Amino acid sequence: MIAAANGADAIQAEEAHRGKIDLLVTDVVMPGMNGREVAEALRSRNPELKVLTKAAIPTTPSCGTAFYKRRSRSAEAVHARGARRQAP
C-alpha cells in the first residue's frame, strides 16, 4: 500500500513506484486535485488501473444539515457477510 496526503503526492508516489499499481482508493474532495483528476492522471499511464472513490461525510452538522458517521466494518466482518450471502 502506498499512502499519499493529496493528489499531487499520489502522482509523485506513483511515478517513484517501480511496480504496477492495481487499485487507487481516493477521496472525491481533496486539497489541490480532486479524486477524479488524480484517477485520470494515473490512468493516462496505466489504463487498466481500477479506481475506488469515496466521499468523506462530516460527522457534525453543517449548513443546517445533520450527517451521521457510518460504522466501519472489519475486513473479516465484510468477508463473513459475503460468505453468508453466497451460501446455498
N, C-alpha and C. Protein backbone atom coordinates (compact mmCIF):
# COMPACT_ATOMS: atom_id res chain seq x y z
N MET A 1 0.85 -1.17 0.00
CA MET A 1 0.00 0.00 0.00
C MET A 1 0.90 1.23 0.00
N ILE A 2 0.53 2.19 -0.79
CA ILE A 2 1.24 3.46 -0.86
C ILE A 2 0.26 4.54 -0.42
N ALA A 3 0.63 5.31 0.59
CA ALA A 3 -0.25 6.36 1.10
C ALA A 3 0.25 7.72 0.62
N ALA A 4 -0.69 8.61 0.36
CA ALA A 4 -0.34 9.97 -0.07
C ALA A 4 -1.29 10.95 0.61
N ALA A 5 -0.78 12.13 0.94
CA ALA A 5 -1.58 13.13 1.64
C ALA A 5 -2.52 13.89 0.73
N ASN A 6 -2.21 13.93 -0.57
CA ASN A 6 -3.05 14.68 -1.51
C ASN A 6 -2.79 14.15 -2.92
N GLY A 7 -3.48 14.73 -3.88
CA GLY A 7 -3.38 14.25 -5.26
C GLY A 7 -1.99 14.37 -5.85
N ALA A 8 -1.34 15.51 -5.64
CA ALA A 8 0.00 15.70 -6.18
C ALA A 8 0.97 14.68 -5.59
N ASP A 9 0.85 14.42 -4.29
CA ASP A 9 1.70 13.41 -3.65
C ASP A 9 1.42 12.01 -4.22
N ALA A 10 0.16 11.73 -4.52
CA ALA A 10 -0.20 10.43 -5.09
C ALA A 10 0.45 10.23 -6.45
N ILE A 11 0.44 11.27 -7.26
CA ILE A 11 1.06 11.17 -8.59
C ILE A 11 2.57 10.99 -8.46
N GLN A 12 3.19 11.74 -7.56
CA GLN A 12 4.62 11.59 -7.34
C GLN A 12 4.96 10.20 -6.82
N ALA A 13 4.14 9.67 -5.91
CA ALA A 13 4.37 8.33 -5.37
C ALA A 13 4.25 7.28 -6.46
N GLU A 14 3.27 7.45 -7.35
CA GLU A 14 3.09 6.50 -8.45
C GLU A 14 4.30 6.54 -9.39
N GLU A 15 4.80 7.74 -9.66
CA GLU A 15 5.96 7.87 -10.54
C GLU A 15 7.20 7.22 -9.93
N ALA A 16 7.34 7.30 -8.62
CA ALA A 16 8.51 6.73 -7.94
C ALA A 16 8.38 5.23 -7.73
N HIS A 17 7.17 4.71 -7.77
CA HIS A 17 6.93 3.29 -7.53
C HIS A 17 7.38 2.46 -8.73
N ARG A 18 8.09 1.39 -8.48
CA ARG A 18 8.64 0.59 -9.58
C ARG A 18 7.69 -0.51 -10.06
N GLY A 19 6.74 -0.88 -9.24
CA GLY A 19 5.82 -1.95 -9.63
C GLY A 19 4.52 -1.40 -10.19
N LYS A 20 3.64 -2.33 -10.53
CA LYS A 20 2.33 -1.96 -11.07
C LYS A 20 1.38 -1.67 -9.92
N ILE A 21 0.58 -0.65 -10.06
CA ILE A 21 -0.47 -0.34 -9.09
C ILE A 21 -1.78 -0.84 -9.67
N ASP A 22 -2.48 -1.67 -8.91
CA ASP A 22 -3.72 -2.28 -9.40
C ASP A 22 -4.96 -1.50 -9.02
N LEU A 23 -4.91 -0.80 -7.87
CA LEU A 23 -6.12 -0.14 -7.37
C LEU A 23 -5.76 1.19 -6.74
N LEU A 24 -6.49 2.22 -7.11
CA LEU A 24 -6.39 3.54 -6.49
C LEU A 24 -7.63 3.74 -5.63
N VAL A 25 -7.43 4.03 -4.35
CA VAL A 25 -8.53 4.39 -3.45
C VAL A 25 -8.34 5.86 -3.14
N THR A 26 -9.31 6.67 -3.49
CA THR A 26 -9.17 8.12 -3.35
C THR A 26 -10.45 8.76 -2.87
N ASP A 27 -10.29 9.87 -2.19
CA ASP A 27 -11.45 10.66 -1.78
C ASP A 27 -11.91 11.50 -2.97
N VAL A 28 -13.15 11.85 -3.01
CA VAL A 28 -13.67 12.67 -4.09
C VAL A 28 -13.14 14.10 -3.96
N VAL A 29 -13.16 14.62 -2.74
CA VAL A 29 -12.73 16.00 -2.49
C VAL A 29 -11.42 15.98 -1.72
N MET A 30 -10.41 16.62 -2.30
CA MET A 30 -9.10 16.72 -1.66
C MET A 30 -8.52 18.09 -1.96
N PRO A 31 -7.54 18.52 -1.17
CA PRO A 31 -6.90 19.80 -1.48
C PRO A 31 -6.13 19.71 -2.79
N GLY A 32 -6.16 20.77 -3.57
CA GLY A 32 -5.43 20.77 -4.84
C GLY A 32 -6.21 20.06 -5.92
N MET A 33 -5.88 18.80 -6.18
CA MET A 33 -6.57 17.99 -7.19
C MET A 33 -7.67 17.19 -6.54
N ASN A 34 -8.78 17.00 -7.25
CA ASN A 34 -9.81 16.12 -6.69
C ASN A 34 -9.54 14.68 -7.12
N GLY A 35 -10.28 13.76 -6.56
CA GLY A 35 -10.05 12.34 -6.84
C GLY A 35 -10.17 11.97 -8.30
N ARG A 36 -11.10 12.60 -9.00
CA ARG A 36 -11.27 12.31 -10.43
C ARG A 36 -10.04 12.73 -11.22
N GLU A 37 -9.50 13.88 -10.90
CA GLU A 37 -8.30 14.37 -11.60
C GLU A 37 -7.11 13.45 -11.35
N VAL A 38 -6.98 12.99 -10.12
CA VAL A 38 -5.89 12.05 -9.80
C VAL A 38 -6.06 10.76 -10.59
N ALA A 39 -7.28 10.24 -10.59
CA ALA A 39 -7.55 8.99 -11.33
C ALA A 39 -7.25 9.15 -12.81
N GLU A 40 -7.66 10.26 -13.40
CA GLU A 40 -7.41 10.48 -14.83
C GLU A 40 -5.91 10.57 -15.11
N ALA A 41 -5.17 11.25 -14.24
CA ALA A 41 -3.73 11.37 -14.43
C ALA A 41 -3.04 10.01 -14.34
N LEU A 42 -3.44 9.22 -13.36
CA LEU A 42 -2.81 7.90 -13.20
C LEU A 42 -3.25 6.93 -14.29
N ARG A 43 -4.50 7.02 -14.71
CA ARG A 43 -4.97 6.14 -15.78
C ARG A 43 -4.36 6.47 -17.13
N SER A 44 -3.88 7.69 -17.30
CA SER A 44 -3.23 8.03 -18.58
C SER A 44 -1.95 7.21 -18.75
N ARG A 45 -1.35 6.79 -17.64
CA ARG A 45 -0.15 5.95 -17.70
C ARG A 45 -0.46 4.48 -17.49
N ASN A 46 -1.59 4.19 -16.87
CA ASN A 46 -1.97 2.81 -16.56
C ASN A 46 -3.47 2.66 -16.81
N PRO A 47 -3.88 2.46 -18.07
CA PRO A 47 -5.31 2.41 -18.41
C PRO A 47 -6.10 1.31 -17.70
N GLU A 48 -5.42 0.29 -17.21
CA GLU A 48 -6.11 -0.82 -16.53
C GLU A 48 -6.30 -0.55 -15.04
N LEU A 49 -5.84 0.59 -14.55
CA LEU A 49 -5.95 0.92 -13.13
C LEU A 49 -7.41 0.95 -12.71
N LYS A 50 -7.72 0.22 -11.67
CA LYS A 50 -9.07 0.25 -11.10
C LYS A 50 -9.11 1.38 -10.07
N VAL A 51 -10.25 2.04 -9.96
CA VAL A 51 -10.38 3.20 -9.08
C VAL A 51 -11.59 3.03 -8.18
N LEU A 52 -11.39 3.24 -6.90
CA LEU A 52 -12.47 3.25 -5.92
C LEU A 52 -12.46 4.62 -5.28
N THR A 53 -13.55 5.37 -5.47
CA THR A 53 -13.64 6.70 -4.86
C THR A 53 -14.58 6.64 -3.68
N LYS A 54 -14.32 7.49 -2.72
CA LYS A 54 -15.17 7.57 -1.54
C LYS A 54 -15.44 9.04 -1.27
N ALA A 55 -16.47 9.29 -0.54
CA ALA A 55 -16.79 10.66 -0.15
C ALA A 55 -16.83 10.71 1.36
N ALA A 56 -15.95 11.50 1.93
CA ALA A 56 -15.94 11.68 3.39
C ALA A 56 -17.13 12.56 3.75
N ILE A 57 -17.87 12.11 4.71
CA ILE A 57 -19.05 12.87 5.15
C ILE A 57 -18.77 13.40 6.54
N PRO A 58 -18.94 14.71 6.75
CA PRO A 58 -18.68 15.26 8.08
C PRO A 58 -19.61 14.66 9.11
N THR A 59 -19.11 14.48 10.32
CA THR A 59 -19.93 13.89 11.39
C THR A 59 -20.59 14.96 12.24
N THR A 60 -20.38 16.21 11.92
CA THR A 60 -21.01 17.30 12.65
C THR A 60 -21.95 18.04 11.72
N PRO A 61 -23.00 18.64 12.26
CA PRO A 61 -23.93 19.38 11.40
C PRO A 61 -23.22 20.50 10.64
N SER A 62 -23.61 20.68 9.39
CA SER A 62 -23.02 21.72 8.56
C SER A 62 -24.12 22.33 7.70
N CYS A 63 -24.18 23.62 7.65
CA CYS A 63 -25.17 24.31 6.81
C CYS A 63 -26.59 23.87 7.11
N GLY A 64 -26.88 23.60 8.37
CA GLY A 64 -28.22 23.23 8.75
C GLY A 64 -28.59 21.79 8.44
N THR A 65 -27.66 20.99 7.99
CA THR A 65 -27.93 19.60 7.66
C THR A 65 -27.15 18.69 8.59
N ALA A 66 -27.79 17.71 9.14
CA ALA A 66 -27.11 16.78 10.03
C ALA A 66 -26.64 15.55 9.25
N PHE A 67 -25.45 15.11 9.55
CA PHE A 67 -24.89 13.91 8.93
C PHE A 67 -24.62 12.90 10.02
N TYR A 68 -24.50 11.66 9.64
CA TYR A 68 -24.12 10.64 10.60
C TYR A 68 -22.90 9.91 10.10
N LYS A 69 -22.18 9.34 11.04
CA LYS A 69 -20.98 8.58 10.70
C LYS A 69 -21.35 7.11 10.68
N ARG A 70 -21.08 6.47 9.55
CA ARG A 70 -21.37 5.06 9.42
C ARG A 70 -20.28 4.26 10.09
N ARG A 71 -20.68 3.23 10.78
CA ARG A 71 -19.71 2.36 11.44
C ARG A 71 -18.86 1.65 10.41
N SER A 72 -17.58 1.56 10.69
CA SER A 72 -16.69 0.79 9.81
C SER A 72 -16.85 -0.68 10.14
N ARG A 73 -16.68 -1.49 9.13
CA ARG A 73 -16.71 -2.94 9.34
C ARG A 73 -15.32 -3.47 9.09
N SER A 74 -14.93 -4.43 9.89
CA SER A 74 -13.62 -5.04 9.69
C SER A 74 -13.66 -5.89 8.42
N ALA A 75 -12.50 -6.15 7.88
CA ALA A 75 -12.41 -6.99 6.68
C ALA A 75 -13.02 -8.36 6.95
N GLU A 76 -12.82 -8.88 8.15
CA GLU A 76 -13.38 -10.20 8.50
C GLU A 76 -14.91 -10.17 8.48
N ALA A 77 -15.50 -9.09 9.01
CA ALA A 77 -16.96 -8.98 9.03
C ALA A 77 -17.52 -8.88 7.62
N VAL A 78 -16.86 -8.12 6.77
CA VAL A 78 -17.31 -7.99 5.39
C VAL A 78 -17.21 -9.34 4.68
N HIS A 79 -16.11 -10.05 4.88
CA HIS A 79 -15.92 -11.37 4.26
C HIS A 79 -16.99 -12.35 4.76
N ALA A 80 -17.24 -12.36 6.06
CA ALA A 80 -18.24 -13.28 6.62
C ALA A 80 -19.63 -12.97 6.07
N ARG A 81 -19.96 -11.72 5.94
CA ARG A 81 -21.26 -11.34 5.39
C ARG A 81 -21.39 -11.79 3.94
N GLY A 82 -20.33 -11.61 3.16
CA GLY A 82 -20.36 -12.06 1.77
C GLY A 82 -20.50 -13.57 1.67
N ALA A 83 -19.83 -14.29 2.56
CA ALA A 83 -19.90 -15.76 2.54
C ALA A 83 -21.32 -16.21 2.88
N ARG A 84 -21.98 -15.53 3.82
CA ARG A 84 -23.36 -15.90 4.17
C ARG A 84 -24.29 -15.68 2.99
N ARG A 85 -24.06 -14.61 2.22
CA ARG A 85 -24.92 -14.31 1.07
C ARG A 85 -24.76 -15.35 -0.03
N GLN A 86 -23.56 -15.93 -0.14
CA GLN A 86 -23.29 -16.88 -1.21
C GLN A 86 -23.63 -18.31 -0.81
N ALA A 87 -23.95 -18.54 0.44
CA ALA A 87 -24.27 -19.90 0.90
C ALA A 87 -25.52 -20.40 0.22
N PRO A 88 -25.57 -21.71 -0.12
CA PRO A 88 -26.76 -22.25 -0.82
C PRO A 88 -27.99 -22.30 0.05
